[in-house]
């Protein structure tokens, strides 16, 4: 049984695109069958070897640089370059894609959750990104930077505001 080691939530898609790499003279057509902040799976006629750098162009997204992480008989998994600014832009583009897509896919990807403010107020949010040190919460209410939030049995401190919500860093309460 394979263990899924991905840190980012995957969204099922059917986005037509093209990719290029140095080993091929011409761009190749592909279909993104899923995408996340960390990568995508490209269904294509000719998968490139693991480790091959590629540039992906897909409908609704800018050019995305990545490296082939795995291959199957149907295509290849690509890991995107991990710069924070690139991931933030990718998050916005995935959200825009989902907003134009079916309601069911949007709801399945962003399960509703709640965080608790120091006042006891419960605020709904959706999880956009999760790492070992923090999370990006999509919410209409943006607590001030520095506020401590209760998230399940964990705590997070608001470290910045993003267009779609807040970024929190996990902390251990004193």
Protein backbone atom coordinates (compact mmCIF):
# COMPACT_ATOMS: atom_id res chain seq x y z
CA UNK A 1 0.00 0.00 0.00
CA UNK A 2 1.35 3.45 -0.96
CA UNK A 3 1.48 6.16 1.67
CA UNK A 4 0.46 9.64 0.52
CA UNK A 5 3.28 11.93 1.69
CA UNK A 6 1.81 15.11 0.21
CA UNK A 7 1.54 18.13 2.51
CA UNK A 8 -0.99 19.98 0.31
CA UNK A 9 -4.60 19.13 -0.43
CA UNK A 10 -5.21 17.96 -4.01
CA UNK A 11 -8.06 19.23 -6.18
CA UNK A 12 -9.40 17.01 -8.97
CA UNK A 13 -9.47 18.92 -12.26
CA UNK A 14 -9.66 18.54 -15.99
CA UNK A 15 -7.62 21.49 -17.21
CA UNK A 16 -6.09 21.40 -20.68
CA UNK A 17 -2.51 22.57 -20.92
CA UNK A 18 0.90 22.17 -22.51
CA UNK A 19 4.33 21.56 -21.08
CA UNK A 20 7.84 22.03 -22.40
CA UNK A 21 11.20 20.63 -21.42
CA UNK A 22 14.70 20.84 -22.87
CA UNK A 23 14.69 17.22 -24.06
CA UNK A 24 11.71 17.78 -26.40
CA UNK A 25 11.76 20.04 -29.46
CA UNK A 26 8.04 20.85 -29.26
CA UNK A 27 5.56 21.47 -26.45
CA UNK A 28 3.38 18.50 -25.48
CA UNK A 29 -0.36 18.59 -24.80
CA UNK A 30 -1.54 17.43 -21.40
CA UNK A 31 -4.51 17.42 -19.06
CA UNK A 32 -4.06 18.36 -15.41
CA UNK A 33 -6.11 15.71 -13.61
CA UNK A 34 -5.34 17.15 -10.17
CA UNK A 35 -3.49 20.13 -8.75
CA UNK A 36 -2.33 21.46 -5.39
CA UNK A 37 -0.01 24.16 -4.12
CA UNK A 38 2.81 21.65 -4.29
CA UNK A 39 2.27 20.01 -7.67
CA UNK A 40 0.00 18.42 -10.24
CA UNK A 41 -0.57 15.23 -12.18
CA UNK A 42 -0.35 15.63 -15.94
CA UNK A 43 -2.04 13.06 -18.14
CA UNK A 44 0.08 12.99 -21.30
CA UNK A 45 1.16 10.79 -24.17
CA UNK A 46 4.87 10.82 -23.28
CA UNK A 47 5.93 11.19 -19.64
CA UNK A 48 9.37 12.64 -19.02
CA UNK A 49 11.92 10.93 -16.78
CA UNK A 50 11.90 11.63 -13.03
CA UNK A 51 14.03 14.70 -12.28
CA UNK A 52 13.31 16.43 -15.61
CA UNK A 53 12.61 20.18 -15.21
CA UNK A 54 9.47 21.30 -17.07
CA UNK A 55 7.45 24.45 -17.63
CA UNK A 56 3.68 23.99 -17.57
CA UNK A 57 1.19 26.33 -19.24
CA UNK A 58 -2.43 25.68 -18.32
CA UNK A 59 -5.73 27.43 -18.91
CA UNK A 60 -6.26 30.01 -16.14
CA UNK A 61 -2.70 29.71 -14.77
CA UNK A 62 0.57 31.44 -15.62
CA UNK A 63 3.64 29.44 -16.55
CA UNK A 64 4.51 27.10 -13.70
CA UNK A 65 8.01 25.68 -13.28
CA UNK A 66 8.37 22.22 -11.81
CA UNK A 67 10.25 18.94 -11.80
CA UNK A 68 8.92 15.48 -12.69
CA UNK A 69 8.56 13.64 -9.37
CA UNK A 70 7.01 10.36 -10.56
CA UNK A 71 5.67 8.67 -13.68
CA UNK A 72 2.89 6.22 -14.45
CA UNK A 73 1.54 4.66 -17.62
CA UNK A 74 -0.93 7.58 -17.89
CA UNK A 75 1.43 10.50 -17.28
CA UNK A 76 3.57 12.16 -14.64
CA UNK A 77 3.43 13.84 -11.26
CA UNK A 78 5.15 17.21 -11.17
CA UNK A 79 6.43 19.00 -8.05
CA UNK A 80 6.21 22.79 -8.35
CA UNK A 81 9.04 25.08 -7.32
CA UNK A 82 8.33 25.91 -3.69
CA UNK A 83 8.90 29.68 -3.31
CA UNK A 84 6.38 31.18 -0.86
CA UNK A 85 5.34 33.93 -3.29
CA UNK A 86 4.71 31.34 -6.01
CA UNK A 87 2.61 29.22 -3.63
CA UNK A 88 0.50 32.23 -2.60
CA UNK A 89 -0.24 33.07 -6.25
CA UNK A 90 -1.00 29.40 -6.95
CA UNK A 91 -3.46 29.31 -4.03
CA UNK A 92 -5.36 32.27 -5.47
CA UNK A 93 -5.50 30.68 -8.93
CA UNK A 94 -6.73 27.35 -7.58
CA UNK A 95 -9.44 29.18 -5.63
CA UNK A 96 -10.50 31.07 -8.77
CA UNK A 97 -10.62 27.78 -10.68
CA UNK A 98 -12.78 26.20 -7.97
CA UNK A 99 -15.12 29.20 -7.81
CA UNK A 100 -15.84 28.71 -11.51
CA UNK A 101 -16.17 24.94 -11.11
CA UNK A 102 -18.89 22.78 -9.60
CA UNK A 103 -20.16 23.54 -6.10
CA UNK A 104 -19.56 19.93 -5.04
CA UNK A 105 -15.86 19.98 -5.88
CA UNK A 106 -15.42 23.25 -4.03
CA UNK A 107 -17.14 21.93 -0.91
CA UNK A 108 -15.28 18.63 -0.94
CA UNK A 109 -11.94 20.38 -1.15
CA UNK A 110 -12.59 22.97 1.53
CA UNK A 111 -14.19 21.23 4.47
CA UNK A 112 -15.77 23.71 6.86
CA UNK A 113 -14.03 24.06 10.21
CA UNK A 114 -14.06 26.56 13.06
CA UNK A 115 -11.46 28.37 15.11
CA UNK A 116 -12.07 29.99 18.50
CA UNK A 117 -11.04 33.57 19.25
CA UNK A 118 -10.00 34.67 22.79
CA UNK A 119 -13.51 36.15 23.19
CA UNK A 120 -15.02 32.68 22.70
CA UNK A 121 -16.37 33.59 19.24
CA UNK A 122 -16.45 30.60 16.87
CA UNK A 123 -15.44 31.50 13.30
CA UNK A 124 -15.89 29.25 10.26
CA UNK A 125 -12.88 28.72 8.00
CA UNK A 126 -11.62 26.43 5.27
CA UNK A 127 -8.10 25.05 5.21
CA UNK A 128 -6.18 26.19 2.16
CA UNK A 129 -2.67 25.07 3.07
CA UNK A 130 -1.11 23.13 5.91
CA UNK A 131 2.50 22.61 6.89
CA UNK A 132 4.31 21.36 9.97
CA UNK A 133 4.64 24.94 11.28
CA UNK A 134 1.36 26.63 10.30
CA UNK A 135 -1.68 26.93 8.07
CA UNK A 136 -3.49 29.28 5.70
CA UNK A 137 -7.12 29.70 6.76
CA UNK A 138 -9.71 31.01 4.31
CA UNK A 139 -12.12 33.16 6.32
CA UNK A 140 -14.14 36.34 6.02
CA UNK A 141 -13.11 37.48 9.51
CA UNK A 142 -9.47 38.45 9.87
CA UNK A 143 -8.39 38.58 13.53
CA UNK A 144 -5.54 41.02 14.21
CA UNK A 145 -1.95 39.93 13.70
CA UNK A 146 -0.70 38.41 16.95
CA UNK A 147 -4.09 37.08 18.12
CA UNK A 148 -4.03 33.52 19.48
CA UNK A 149 -6.64 31.19 17.93
CA UNK A 150 -7.82 27.80 19.19
CA UNK A 151 -7.96 25.34 16.30
CA UNK A 152 -9.26 21.98 17.49
CA UNK A 153 -6.78 20.88 20.16
CA UNK A 154 -4.05 23.13 18.74
CA UNK A 155 -3.28 26.82 18.87
CA UNK A 156 -2.08 29.19 16.20
CA UNK A 157 -0.99 32.81 16.25
CA UNK A 158 -2.08 35.06 13.36
CA UNK A 159 1.13 36.11 11.59
CA UNK A 160 -0.26 37.87 8.49
CA UNK A 161 -3.36 38.73 6.55
CA UNK A 162 -3.81 37.31 3.05
CA UNK A 163 -6.44 38.32 0.46
CA UNK A 164 -8.43 35.15 1.20
CA UNK A 165 -7.89 34.93 4.96
CA UNK A 166 -5.13 34.64 7.54
CA UNK A 167 -1.88 32.79 7.93
CA UNK A 168 -1.26 31.25 11.34
CA UNK A 169 1.84 29.81 12.94
CA UNK A 170 1.29 26.90 15.32
CA UNK A 171 2.32 27.63 18.91
CA UNK A 172 2.42 25.85 22.26
CA UNK A 173 0.41 27.85 24.81
CA UNK A 174 2.31 28.97 27.91
